[in-house]
Amino acid sequence: ALADGKCGVDLYGSPWDQFVWCPRCNAKWDMEEVRDWLFSQVEDRLATAIEISRAAPSLWGDVLSVNTIRSWEHRATRANHGTDARGRPMYRIGDVRKRFLESIESRSKRKKAS
């Protein structure tokens, strides 16, 4: 659970929920705070596009396709961090999240301009 959590029990909820409740002490947690804490624990870790795509809803509350992550590599918008034992490219989770948030902001600006 959260490092400063009340009772240390793991919290589970839908990434799209606004709140999650502790099954032990019934404390109410803001999902954005939970995601921020979770992300802080994995920000510098390396993972494959598939692993990041699967974790994206839990890490930042939205879906992100494997193809999008890979397309960013081909457009040279992120640095290569080597490969895993099976030869698949590895990505720093923090870099992918940053690029994801930039793409949302860019889309939002384009919508406002049109």
PDB file of N, CA and C in Angstrom:
ATOM      1  N   ALA A   1       0.843  -1.188   0.000  1.00  0.00           N
ATOM      2  CA  ALA A   1       0.000   0.000   0.000  1.00  0.00           C
ATOM      3  C   ALA A   1       0.882   1.242   0.000  1.00  0.00           C
ATOM      4  N   LEU A   2       0.273   2.378   0.173  1.00  0.00           N
ATOM      5  CA  LEU A   2       1.019   3.629   0.150  1.00  0.00           C
ATOM      6  C   LEU A   2       2.022   3.668   1.286  1.00  0.00           C
ATOM      7  N   ALA A   3       3.145   4.308   1.029  1.00  0.00           N
ATOM      8  CA  ALA A   3       4.211   4.362   2.026  1.00  0.00           C
ATOM      9  C   ALA A   3       3.737   4.982   3.340  1.00  0.00           C
ATOM     10  N   ASP A   4       2.878   5.973   3.251  1.00  0.00           N
ATOM     11  CA  ASP A   4       2.382   6.594   4.482  1.00  0.00           C
ATOM     12  C   ASP A   4       0.961   6.129   4.791  1.00  0.00           C
ATOM     13  N   GLY A   5       0.605   4.945   4.290  1.00  0.00           N
ATOM     14  CA  GLY A   5      -0.734   4.401   4.479  1.00  0.00           C
ATOM     15  C   GLY A   5      -1.038   4.098   5.936  1.00  0.00           C
ATOM     16  N   LYS A   6      -2.299   3.994   6.210  1.00  0.00           N
ATOM     17  CA  LYS A   6      -2.742   3.792   7.580  1.00  0.00           C
ATOM     18  C   LYS A   6      -2.435   2.387   8.100  1.00  0.00           C
ATOM     19  N   CYS A   7      -2.633   1.364   7.264  1.00  0.00           N
ATOM     20  CA  CYS A   7      -2.485   0.008   7.802  1.00  0.00           C
ATOM     21  C   CYS A   7      -1.626  -0.913   6.935  1.00  0.00           C
ATOM     22  N   GLY A   8      -1.115  -0.442   5.806  1.00  0.00           N
ATOM     23  CA  GLY A   8      -0.191  -1.232   5.007  1.00  0.00           C
ATOM     24  C   GLY A   8      -0.817  -2.289   4.114  1.00  0.00           C
ATOM     25  N   VAL A   9      -2.121  -2.298   3.951  1.00  0.00           N
ATOM     26  CA  VAL A   9      -2.800  -3.269   3.092  1.00  0.00           C
ATOM     27  C   VAL A   9      -2.769  -2.772   1.646  1.00  0.00           C
ATOM     28  N   ASP A  10      -2.553  -3.665   0.693  1.00  0.00           N
ATOM     29  CA  ASP A  10      -2.595  -3.285  -0.715  1.00  0.00           C
ATOM     30  C   ASP A  10      -3.992  -2.805  -1.075  1.00  0.00           C
ATOM     31  N   LEU A  11      -4.042  -1.767  -1.906  1.00  0.00           N
ATOM     32  CA  LEU A  11      -5.314  -1.194  -2.329  1.00  0.00           C
ATOM     33  C   LEU A  11      -5.604  -1.613  -3.768  1.00  0.00           C
ATOM     34  N   TYR A  12      -6.830  -2.006  -4.030  1.00  0.00           N
ATOM     35  CA  TYR A  12      -7.238  -2.418  -5.367  1.00  0.00           C
ATOM     36  C   TYR A  12      -8.494  -1.667  -5.769  1.00  0.00           C
ATOM     37  N   GLY A  13      -8.519  -1.236  -7.017  1.00  0.00           N
ATOM     38  CA  GLY A  13      -9.690  -0.554  -7.545  1.00  0.00           C
ATOM     39  C   GLY A  13      -9.534  -0.386  -9.035  1.00  0.00           C
ATOM     40  N   SER A  14     -10.585   0.015  -9.676  1.00  0.00           N
ATOM     41  CA  SER A  14     -10.538   0.293 -11.107  1.00  0.00           C
ATOM     42  C   SER A  14      -9.725   1.562 -11.328  1.00  0.00           C
ATOM     43  N   PRO A  15      -8.893   1.600 -12.350  1.00  0.00           N
ATOM     44  CA  PRO A  15      -8.115   2.813 -12.622  1.00  0.00           C
ATOM     45  C   PRO A  15      -8.991   4.035 -12.863  1.00  0.00           C
ATOM     46  N   TRP A  16     -10.236   3.832 -13.222  1.00  0.00           N
ATOM     47  CA  TRP A  16     -11.124   4.943 -13.522  1.00  0.00           C
ATOM     48  C   TRP A  16     -11.952   5.370 -12.314  1.00  0.00           C
ATOM     49  N   ASP A  17     -11.817   4.662 -11.192  1.00  0.00           N
ATOM     50  CA  ASP A  17     -12.508   5.060  -9.963  1.00  0.00           C
ATOM     51  C   ASP A  17     -11.887   6.343  -9.416  1.00  0.00           C
ATOM     52  N   GLN A  18     -12.695   7.154  -8.771  1.00  0.00           N
ATOM     53  CA  GLN A  18     -12.175   8.367  -8.150  1.00  0.00           C
ATOM     54  C   GLN A  18     -11.558   8.056  -6.790  1.00  0.00           C
ATOM     55  N   PHE A  19     -12.129   7.060  -6.100  1.00  0.00           N
ATOM     56  CA  PHE A  19     -11.649   6.697  -4.772  1.00  0.00           C
ATOM     57  C   PHE A  19     -11.521   5.184  -4.657  1.00  0.00           C
ATOM     58  N   VAL A  20     -10.709   4.747  -3.696  1.00  0.00           N
ATOM     59  CA  VAL A  20     -10.591   3.332  -3.347  1.00  0.00           C
ATOM     60  C   VAL A  20     -10.601   3.258  -1.822  1.00  0.00           C
ATOM     61  N   TRP A  21     -11.202   2.207  -1.291  1.00  0.00           N
ATOM     62  CA  TRP A  21     -11.306   2.046   0.152  1.00  0.00           C
ATOM     63  C   TRP A  21     -10.439   0.883   0.612  1.00  0.00           C
ATOM     64  N   CYS A  22      -9.789   1.058   1.748  1.00  0.00           N
ATOM     65  CA  CYS A  22      -8.961   0.016   2.343  1.00  0.00           C
ATOM     66  C   CYS A  22      -9.879  -1.080   2.895  1.00  0.00           C
ATOM     67  N   PRO A  23      -9.607  -2.344   2.524  1.00  0.00           N
ATOM     68  CA  PRO A  23     -10.458  -3.424   3.017  1.00  0.00           C
ATOM     69  C   PRO A  23     -10.274  -3.703   4.516  1.00  0.00           C
ATOM     70  N   ARG A  24      -9.183  -3.244   5.092  1.00  0.00           N
ATOM     71  CA  ARG A  24      -8.942  -3.497   6.513  1.00  0.00           C
ATOM     72  C   ARG A  24      -9.489  -2.380   7.402  1.00  0.00           C
ATOM     73  N   CYS A  25      -9.106  -1.142   7.117  1.00  0.00           N
ATOM     74  CA  CYS A  25      -9.485  -0.041   8.018  1.00  0.00           C
ATOM     75  C   CYS A  25     -10.566   0.868   7.433  1.00  0.00           C
ATOM     76  N   ASN A  26     -10.961   0.585   6.196  1.00  0.00           N
ATOM     77  CA  ASN A  26     -12.010   1.331   5.499  1.00  0.00           C
ATOM     78  C   ASN A  26     -11.626   2.792   5.230  1.00  0.00           C
ATOM     79  N   ALA A  27     -10.322   3.093   5.235  1.00  0.00           N
ATOM     80  CA  ALA A  27      -9.875   4.442   4.895  1.00  0.00           C
ATOM     81  C   ALA A  27     -10.148   4.698   3.416  1.00  0.00           C
ATOM     82  N   LYS A  28     -10.516   5.921   3.098  1.00  0.00           N
ATOM     83  CA  LYS A  28     -10.820   6.321   1.727  1.00  0.00           C
ATOM     84  C   LYS A  28      -9.579   6.986   1.127  1.00  0.00           C
ATOM     85  N   TRP A  29      -9.166   6.515  -0.062  1.00  0.00           N
ATOM     86  CA  TRP A  29      -7.990   7.050  -0.736  1.00  0.00           C
ATOM     87  C   TRP A  29      -8.394   7.627  -2.088  1.00  0.00           C
ATOM     88  N   ASP A  30      -7.836   8.766  -2.417  1.00  0.00           N
ATOM     89  CA  ASP A  30      -8.025   9.383  -3.724  1.00  0.00           C
ATOM     90  C   ASP A  30      -7.197   8.592  -4.746  1.00  0.00           C
ATOM     91  N   MET A  31      -7.834   8.105  -5.816  1.00  0.00           N
ATOM     92  CA  MET A  31      -7.117   7.270  -6.797  1.00  0.00           C
ATOM     93  C   MET A  31      -5.974   8.018  -7.464  1.00  0.00           C
ATOM     94  N   GLU A  32      -6.113   9.330  -7.644  1.00  0.00           N
ATOM     95  CA  GLU A  32      -5.019  10.090  -8.242  1.00  0.00           C
ATOM     96  C   GLU A  32      -3.782  10.034  -7.346  1.00  0.00           C
ATOM     97  N   GLU A  33      -3.979  10.132  -6.043  1.00  0.00           N
ATOM     98  CA  GLU A  33      -2.856  10.024  -5.106  1.00  0.00           C
ATOM     99  C   GLU A  33      -2.264   8.616  -5.138  1.00  0.00           C
ATOM    100  N   VAL A  34      -3.113   7.610  -5.226  1.00  0.00           N
ATOM    101  CA  VAL A  34      -2.639   6.227  -5.292  1.00  0.00           C
ATOM    102  C   VAL A  34      -1.808   6.027  -6.553  1.00  0.00           C
ATOM    103  N   ARG A  35      -2.324   6.515  -7.703  1.00  0.00           N
ATOM    104  CA  ARG A  35      -1.579   6.389  -8.970  1.00  0.00           C
ATOM    105  C   ARG A  35      -0.247   7.127  -8.904  1.00  0.00           C
ATOM    106  N   ASP A  36      -0.261   8.339  -8.332  1.00  0.00           N
ATOM    107  CA  ASP A  36       0.989   9.104  -8.214  1.00  0.00           C
ATOM    108  C   ASP A  36       2.013   8.352  -7.379  1.00  0.00           C
ATOM    109  N   TRP A  37       1.564   7.761  -6.272  1.00  0.00           N
ATOM    110  CA  TRP A  37       2.479   6.983  -5.432  1.00  0.00           C
ATOM    111  C   TRP A  37       2.998   5.763  -6.195  1.00  0.00           C
ATOM    112  N   LEU A  38       2.101   5.050  -6.853  1.00  0.00           N
ATOM    113  CA  LEU A  38       2.492   3.870  -7.624  1.00  0.00           C
ATOM    114  C   LEU A  38       3.501   4.247  -8.707  1.00  0.00           C
ATOM    115  N   PHE A  39       3.215   5.319  -9.434  1.00  0.00           N
ATOM    116  CA  PHE A  39       4.129   5.764 -10.481  1.00  0.00           C
ATOM    117  C   PHE A  39       5.498   6.113  -9.902  1.00  0.00           C
ATOM    118  N   SER A  40       5.533   6.751  -8.738  1.00  0.00           N
ATOM    119  CA  SER A  40       6.823   7.118  -8.133  1.00  0.00           C
ATOM    120  C   SER A  40       7.667   5.886  -7.822  1.00  0.00           C
ATOM    121  N   GLN A  41       7.023   4.748  -7.624  1.00  0.00           N
ATOM    122  CA  GLN A  41       7.739   3.516  -7.316  1.00  0.00           C
ATOM    123  C   GLN A  41       8.352   2.862  -8.555  1.00  0.00           C
ATOM    124  N   VAL A  42       7.838   3.197  -9.749  1.00  0.00           N
ATOM    125  CA  VAL A  42       8.303   2.518 -10.967  1.00  0.00           C
ATOM    126  C   VAL A  42       8.843   3.459 -12.038  1.00  0.00           C
ATOM    127  N   GLU A  43       8.844   4.742 -11.784  1.00  0.00           N
ATOM    128  CA  GLU A  43       9.213   5.764 -12.775  1.00  0.00           C
ATOM    129  C   GLU A  43      10.533   5.472 -13.489  1.00  0.00           C
ATOM    130  N   ASP A  44      11.550   5.034 -12.772  1.00  0.00           N
ATOM    131  CA  ASP A  44      12.870   4.823 -13.365  1.00  0.00           C
ATOM    132  C   ASP A  44      13.105   3.390 -13.846  1.00  0.00           C
ATOM    133  N   ARG A  45      12.126   2.552 -13.742  1.00  0.00           N
ATOM    134  CA  ARG A  45      12.282   1.161 -14.180  1.00  0.00           C
ATOM    135  C   ARG A  45      12.109   1.037 -15.685  1.00  0.00           C
ATOM    136  N   LEU A  46      12.745   0.012 -16.225  1.00  0.00           N
ATOM    137  CA  LEU A  46      12.624  -0.281 -17.650  1.00  0.00           C
ATOM    138  C   LEU A  46      11.625  -1.403 -17.849  1.00  0.00           C
ATOM    139  N   ALA A  47      10.846  -1.311 -18.933  1.00  0.00           N
ATOM    140  CA  ALA A  47       9.847  -2.321 -19.242  1.00  0.00           C
ATOM    141  C   ALA A  47       9.630  -2.353 -20.751  1.00  0.00           C
ATOM    142  N   THR A  48       9.040  -3.436 -21.229  1.00  0.00           N
ATOM    143  CA  THR A  48       8.715  -3.544 -22.653  1.00  0.00           C
ATOM    144  C   THR A  48       7.451  -2.734 -22.941  1.00  0.00           C
ATOM    145  N   ALA A  49       7.199  -2.487 -24.222  1.00  0.00           N
ATOM    146  CA  ALA A  49       5.989  -1.759 -24.619  1.00  0.00           C
ATOM    147  C   ALA A  49       4.740  -2.495 -24.152  1.00  0.00           C
ATOM    148  N   ILE A  50       4.752  -3.810 -24.235  1.00  0.00           N
ATOM    149  CA  ILE A  50       3.594  -4.603 -23.801  1.00  0.00           C
ATOM    150  C   ILE A  50       3.355  -4.430 -22.304  1.00  0.00           C
ATOM    151  N   GLU A  51       4.418  -4.505 -21.515  1.00  0.00           N
ATOM    152  CA  GLU A  51       4.282  -4.355 -20.058  1.00  0.00           C
ATOM    153  C   GLU A  51       3.750  -2.970 -19.688  1.00  0.00           C
ATOM    154  N   ILE A  52       4.270  -1.950 -20.349  1.00  0.00           N
ATOM    155  CA  ILE A  52       3.820  -0.586 -20.044  1.00  0.00           C
ATOM    156  C   ILE A  52       2.373  -0.398 -20.478  1.00  0.00           C
ATOM    157  N   SER A  53       2.018  -0.917 -21.627  1.00  0.00           N
ATOM    158  CA  SER A  53       0.649  -0.798 -22.104  1.00  0.00           C
ATOM    159  C   SER A  53      -0.334  -1.438 -21.126  1.00  0.00           C
ATOM    160  N   ARG A  54       0.021  -2.585 -20.604  1.00  0.00           N
ATOM    161  CA  ARG A  54      -0.844  -3.262 -19.626  1.00  0.00           C
ATOM    162  C   ARG A  54      -0.954  -2.486 -18.316  1.00  0.00           C
ATOM    163  N   ALA A  55       0.121  -1.816 -17.920  1.00  0.00           N
ATOM    164  CA  ALA A  55       0.146  -1.100 -16.645  1.00  0.00           C
ATOM    165  C   ALA A  55      -0.387   0.328 -16.746  1.00  0.00           C
ATOM    166  N   ALA A  56      -0.495   0.871 -17.942  1.00  0.00           N
ATOM    167  CA  ALA A  56      -0.865   2.282 -18.118  1.00  0.00           C
ATOM    168  C   ALA A  56      -2.130   2.693 -17.372  1.00  0.00           C
ATOM    169  N   PRO A  57      -3.223   1.935 -17.437  1.00  0.00           N
ATOM    170  CA  PRO A  57      -4.417   2.372 -16.700  1.00  0.00           C
ATOM    171  C   PRO A  57      -4.171   2.518 -15.199  1.00  0.00           C
ATOM    172  N   SER A  58      -3.373   1.649 -14.626  1.00  0.00           N
ATOM    173  CA  SER A  58      -3.071   1.742 -13.196  1.00  0.00           C
ATOM    174  C   SER A  58      -2.092   2.867 -12.893  1.00  0.00           C
ATOM    175  N   LEU A  59      -1.166   3.124 -13.819  1.00  0.00           N
ATOM    176  CA  LEU A  59      -0.124   4.116 -13.558  1.00  0.00           C
ATOM    177  C   LEU A  59      -0.563   5.546 -13.826  1.00  0.00           C
ATOM    178  N   TRP A  60      -1.384   5.742 -14.857  1.00  0.00           N
ATOM    179  CA  TRP A  60      -1.828   7.112 -15.126  1.00  0.00           C
ATOM    180  C   TRP A  60      -3.284   7.213 -15.551  1.00  0.00           C
ATOM    181  N   GLY A  61      -4.056   6.166 -15.322  1.00  0.00           N
ATOM    182  CA  GLY A  61      -5.498   6.248 -15.467  1.00  0.00           C
ATOM    183  C   GLY A  61      -6.029   6.312 -16.880  1.00  0.00           C
ATOM    184  N   ASP A  62      -5.256   5.865 -17.844  1.00  0.00           N
ATOM    185  CA  ASP A  62      -5.712   5.873 -19.230  1.00  0.00           C
ATOM    186  C   ASP A  62      -5.015   4.760 -19.992  1.00  0.00           C
ATOM    187  N   VAL A  63      -5.602   4.374 -21.116  1.00  0.00           N
ATOM    188  CA  VAL A  63      -5.009   3.315 -21.928  1.00  0.00           C
ATOM    189  C   VAL A  63      -3.938   3.898 -22.843  1.00  0.00           C
ATOM    190  N   LEU A  64      -2.994   3.066 -23.203  1.00  0.00           N
ATOM    191  CA  LEU A  64      -1.924   3.441 -24.115  1.00  0.00           C
ATOM    192  C   LEU A  64      -1.556   2.190 -24.894  1.00  0.00           C
ATOM    193  N   SER A  65      -1.646   2.260 -26.213  1.00  0.00           N
ATOM    194  CA  SER A  65      -1.410   1.060 -27.018  1.00  0.00           C
ATOM    195  C   SER A  65       0.076   0.774 -27.190  1.00  0.00           C
ATOM    196  N   VAL A  66       0.362  -0.480 -27.378  1.00  0.00           N
ATOM    197  CA  VAL A  66       1.728  -0.934 -27.652  1.00  0.00           C
ATOM    198  C   VAL A  66       2.250  -0.247 -28.917  1.00  0.00           C
ATOM    199  N   ASN A  67       1.406  -0.153 -29.934  1.00  0.00           N
ATOM    200  CA  ASN A  67       1.819   0.460 -31.203  1.00  0.00           C
ATOM    201  C   ASN A  67       2.188   1.928 -31.032  1.00  0.00           C
ATOM    202  N   THR A  68       1.473   2.636 -30.170  1.00  0.00           N
ATOM    203  CA  THR A  68       1.808   4.044 -29.927  1.00  0.00           C
ATOM    204  C   THR A  68       3.181   4.157 -29.289  1.00  0.00           C
ATOM    205  N   ILE A  69       3.449   3.340 -28.297  1.00  0.00           N
ATOM    206  CA  ILE A  69       4.760   3.361 -27.640  1.00  0.00           C
ATOM    207  C   ILE A  69       5.856   3.080 -28.653  1.00  0.00           C
ATOM    208  N   ARG A  70       5.656   2.079 -29.472  1.00  0.00           N
ATOM    209  CA  ARG A  70       6.665   1.723 -30.488  1.00  0.00           C
ATOM    210  C   ARG A  70       6.824   2.814 -31.538  1.00  0.00           C
ATOM    211  N   SER A  71       5.728   3.490 -31.893  1.00  0.00           N
ATOM    212  CA  SER A  71       5.828   4.551 -32.906  1.00  0.00           C
ATOM    213  C   SER A  71       6.660   5.711 -32.395  1.00  0.00           C
ATOM    214  N   TRP A  72       6.595   5.991 -31.093  1.00  0.00           N
ATOM    215  CA  TRP A  72       7.414   7.053 -30.535  1.00  0.00           C
ATOM    216  C   TRP A  72       8.890   6.730 -30.680  1.00  0.00           C
ATOM    217  N   GLU A  73       9.243   5.466 -30.553  1.00  0.00           N
ATOM    218  CA  GLU A  73      10.643   5.072 -30.725  1.00  0.00           C
ATOM    219  C   GLU A  73      11.092   5.323 -32.158  1.00  0.00           C
ATOM    220  N   HIS A  74      10.237   4.943 -33.112  1.00  0.00           N
ATOM    221  CA  HIS A  74      10.599   5.106 -34.520  1.00  0.00           C
ATOM    222  C   HIS A  74      10.675   6.576 -34.929  1.00  0.00           C
ATOM    223  N   ARG A  75       9.959   7.431 -34.222  1.00  0.00           N
ATOM    224  CA  ARG A  75      10.013   8.869 -34.505  1.00  0.00           C
ATOM    225  C   ARG A  75      11.117   9.554 -33.713  1.00  0.00           C
ATOM    226  N   ALA A  76      11.892   8.780 -32.999  1.00  0.00           N
ATOM    227  CA  ALA A  76      13.022   9.287 -32.205  1.00  0.00           C
ATOM    228  C   ALA A  76      12.567  10.286 -31.141  1.00  0.00           C
ATOM    229  N   THR A  77      11.406  10.043 -30.545  1.00  0.00           N
ATOM    230  CA  THR A  77      10.934  10.942 -29.500  1.00  0.00           C
ATOM    231  C   THR A  77      11.325  10.432 -28.114  1.00  0.00           C
ATOM    232  N   ARG A  78      12.024   9.343 -28.043  1.00  0.00           N
ATOM    233  CA  ARG A  78      12.512   8.837 -26.759  1.00  0.00           C
ATOM    234  C   ARG A  78      13.808   8.062 -27.006  1.00  0.00           C
ATOM    235  N   ALA A  79      14.629   7.988 -25.983  1.00  0.00           N
ATOM    236  CA  ALA A  79      15.912   7.296 -26.098  1.00  0.00           C
ATOM    237  C   ALA A  79      15.723   5.794 -25.933  1.00  0.00           C
ATOM    238  N   ASN A  80      16.541   5.037 -26.634  1.00  0.00           N
ATOM    239  CA  ASN A  80      16.517   3.581 -26.511  1.00  0.00           C
ATOM    240  C   ASN A  80      17.251   3.197 -25.237  1.00  0.00           C
ATOM    241  N   HIS A  81      16.672   2.254 -24.506  1.00  0.00           N
ATOM    242  CA  HIS A  81      17.274   1.807 -23.248  1.00  0.00           C
ATOM    243  C   HIS A  81      17.664   0.337 -23.327  1.00  0.00           C
ATOM    244  N   GLY A  82      18.051  -0.128 -24.494  1.00  0.00           N
ATOM    245  CA  GLY A  82      18.470  -1.507 -24.648  1.00  0.00           C
ATOM    246  C   GLY A  82      17.310  -2.456 -24.870  1.00  0.00           C
ATOM    247  N   THR A  83      17.586  -3.738 -24.669  1.00  0.00           N
ATOM    248  CA  THR A  83      16.575  -4.769 -24.894  1.00  0.00           C
ATOM    249  C   THR A  83      16.535  -5.733 -23.714  1.00  0.00           C
ATOM    250  N   ASP A  84      15.428  -6.481 -23.634  1.00  0.00           N
ATOM    251  CA  ASP A  84      15.319  -7.499 -22.591  1.00  0.00           C
ATOM    252  C   ASP A  84      15.973  -8.788 -23.076  1.00  0.00           C
ATOM    253  N   ALA A  85      15.876  -9.850 -22.309  1.00  0.00           N
ATOM    254  CA  ALA A  85      16.515 -11.122 -22.643  1.00  0.00           C
ATOM    255  C   ALA A  85      15.984 -11.721 -23.942  1.00  0.00           C
ATOM    256  N   ARG A  86      14.772 -11.322 -24.339  1.00  0.00           N
ATOM    257  CA  ARG A  86      14.180 -11.836 -25.577  1.00  0.00           C
ATOM    258  C   ARG A  86      14.392 -10.895 -26.761  1.00  0.00           C
ATOM    259  N   GLY A  87      15.187  -9.835 -26.555  1.00  0.00           N
ATOM    260  CA  GLY A  87      15.505  -8.913 -27.633  1.00  0.00           C
ATOM    261  C   GLY A  87      14.469  -7.819 -27.871  1.00  0.00           C
ATOM    262  N   ARG A  88      13.503  -7.683 -26.972  1.00  0.00           N
ATOM    263  CA  ARG A  88      12.474  -6.651 -27.129  1.00  0.00           C
ATOM    264  C   ARG A  88      12.980  -5.329 -26.564  1.00  0.00           C
ATOM    265  N   PRO A  89      12.690  -4.213 -27.239  1.00  0.00           N
ATOM    266  CA  PRO A  89      13.138  -2.911 -26.744  1.00  0.00           C
ATOM    267  C   PRO A  89      12.583  -2.621 -25.354  1.00  0.00           C
ATOM    268  N   MET A  90      13.410  -1.967 -24.547  1.00  0.00           N
ATOM    269  CA  MET A  90      13.019  -1.573 -23.195  1.00  0.00           C
ATOM    270  C   MET A  90      12.833  -0.055 -23.168  1.00  0.00           C
ATOM    271  N   TYR A  91      11.848   0.367 -22.406  1.00  0.00           N
ATOM    272  CA  TYR A  91      11.507   1.774 -22.293  1.00  0.00           C
ATOM    273  C   TYR A  91      11.504   2.158 -20.822  1.00  0.00           C
ATOM    274  N   ARG A  92      11.982   3.354 -20.525  1.00  0.00           N
ATOM    275  CA  ARG A  92      11.891   3.865 -19.150  1.00  0.00           C
ATOM    276  C   ARG A  92      10.450   4.322 -18.942  1.00  0.00           C
ATOM    277  N   ILE A  93       9.813   3.801 -17.932  1.00  0.00           N
ATOM    278  CA  ILE A  93       8.389   4.068 -17.708  1.00  0.00           C
ATOM    279  C   ILE A  93       8.128   5.570 -17.576  1.00  0.00           C
ATOM    280  N   GLY A  94       8.990   6.296 -16.896  1.00  0.00           N
ATOM    281  CA  GLY A  94       8.820   7.741 -16.752  1.00  0.00           C
ATOM    282  C   GLY A  94       8.869   8.475 -18.076  1.00  0.00           C
ATOM    283  N   ASP A  95       9.739   8.044 -18.989  1.00  0.00           N
ATOM    284  CA  ASP A  95       9.824   8.661 -20.316  1.00  0.00           C
ATOM    285  C   ASP A  95       8.535   8.452 -21.104  1.00  0.00           C
ATOM    286  N   VAL A  96       7.992   7.238 -21.021  1.00  0.00           N
ATOM    287  CA  VAL A  96       6.757   6.936 -21.753  1.00  0.00           C
ATOM    288  C   VAL A  96       5.610   7.765 -21.194  1.00  0.00           C
ATOM    289  N   ARG A  97       5.498   7.855 -19.871  1.00  0.00           N
ATOM    290  CA  ARG A  97       4.425   8.657 -19.277  1.00  0.00           C
ATOM    291  C   ARG A  97       4.556  10.121 -19.687  1.00  0.00           C
ATOM    292  N   LYS A  98       5.768  10.643 -19.678  1.00  0.00           N
ATOM    293  CA  LYS A  98       5.986  12.039 -20.077  1.00  0.00           C
ATOM    294  C   LYS A  98       5.528  12.255 -21.513  1.00  0.00           C
ATOM    295  N   ARG A  99       5.903  11.357 -22.406  1.00  0.00           N
ATOM    296  CA  ARG A  99       5.513  11.476 -23.816  1.00  0.00           C
ATOM    297  C   ARG A  99       3.998  11.355 -23.961  1.00  0.00           C
ATOM    298  N   PHE A 100       3.388  10.461 -23.184  1.00  0.00           N
ATOM    299  CA  PHE A 100       1.940  10.293 -23.210  1.00  0.00           C
ATOM    300  C   PHE A 100       1.241  11.589 -22.806  1.00  0.00           C
ATOM    301  N   LEU A 101       1.690  12.204 -21.715  1.00  0.00           N
ATOM    302  CA  LEU A 101       1.081  13.448 -21.249  1.00  0.00           C
ATOM    303  C   LEU A 101       1.292  14.581 -22.252  1.00  0.00           C
ATOM    304  N   GLU A 102       2.463  14.615 -22.896  1.00  0.00           N
ATOM    305  CA  GLU A 102       2.722  15.614 -23.936  1.00  0.00           C
ATOM    306  C   GLU A 102       1.766  15.437 -25.114  1.00  0.00           C
ATOM    307  N   SER A 103       1.500  14.184 -25.482  1.00  0.00           N
ATOM    308  CA  SER A 103       0.612  13.945 -26.618  1.00  0.00           C
ATOM    309  C   SER A 103      -0.817  14.367 -26.303  1.00  0.00           C
ATOM    310  N   ILE A 104      -1.258  14.170 -25.055  1.00  0.00           N
ATOM    311  CA  ILE A 104      -2.592  14.614 -24.647  1.00  0.00           C
ATOM    312  C   ILE A 104      -2.673  16.141 -24.696  1.00  0.00           C
ATOM    313  N   GLU A 105      -1.650  16.804 -24.190  1.00  0.00           N
ATOM    314  CA  GLU A 105      -1.628  18.264 -24.193  1.00  0.00           C
ATOM    315  C   GLU A 105      -1.633  18.801 -25.623  1.00  0.00           C
ATOM    316  N   SER A 106      -0.867  18.183 -26.489  1.00  0.00           N
ATOM    317  CA  SER A 106      -0.808  18.605 -27.884  1.00  0.00           C
ATOM    318  C   SER A 106      -2.159  18.443 -28.569  1.00  0.00           C
ATOM    319  N   ARG A 107      -2.808  17.305 -28.323  1.00  0.00           N
ATOM    320  CA  ARG A 107      -4.140  17.071 -28.893  1.00  0.00           C
ATOM    321  C   ARG A 107      -5.138  18.102 -28.396  1.00  0.00           C
ATOM    322  N   SER A 108      -5.064  18.421 -27.116  1.00  0.00           N
ATOM    323  CA  SER A 108      -5.965  19.402 -26.521  1.00  0.00           C
ATOM    324  C   SER A 108      -5.782  20.790 -27.154  1.00  0.00           C
ATOM    325  N   LYS A 109      -4.546  21.177 -27.376  1.00  0.00           N
ATOM    326  CA  LYS A 109      -4.261  22.478 -28.005  1.00  0.00           C
ATOM    327  C   LYS A 109      -4.785  22.516 -29.433  1.00  0.00           C
ATOM    328  N   ARG A 110      -4.625  21.414 -30.163  1.00  0.00           N
ATOM    329  CA  ARG A 110      -5.129  21.361 -31.552  1.00  0.00           C
ATOM    330  C   ARG A 110      -6.645  21.487 -31.585  1.00  0.00           C
ATOM    331  N   LYS A 111      -7.328  20.836 -30.644  1.00  0.00           N
ATOM    332  CA  LYS A 111      -8.791  20.903 -30.594  1.00  0.00           C
ATOM    333  C   LYS A 111      -9.257  22.333 -30.307  1.00  0.00           C
ATOM    334  N   LYS A 112      -8.572  23.012 -29.386  1.00  0.00           N
ATOM    335  CA  LYS A 112      -8.949  24.382 -29.045  1.00  0.00           C
ATOM    336  C   LYS A 112      -8.714  25.321 -30.218  1.00  0.00           C
ATOM    337  N   ALA A 113      -7.673  25.061 -31.010  1.00  0.00           N
ATOM    338  CA  ALA A 113      -7.345  25.928 -32.136  1.00  0.00           C
ATOM    339  C   ALA A 113      -8.320  25.751 -33.299  1.00  0.00           C
ATOM    340  N   SER A 114      -8.976  24.603 -33.372  1.00  0.00           N
ATOM    341  CA  SER A 114      -9.879  24.370 -34.521  1.00  0.00           C
ATOM    342  C   SER A 114     -11.304  24.743 -34.247  1.00  0.00           C
TER     343      SER A 114
END
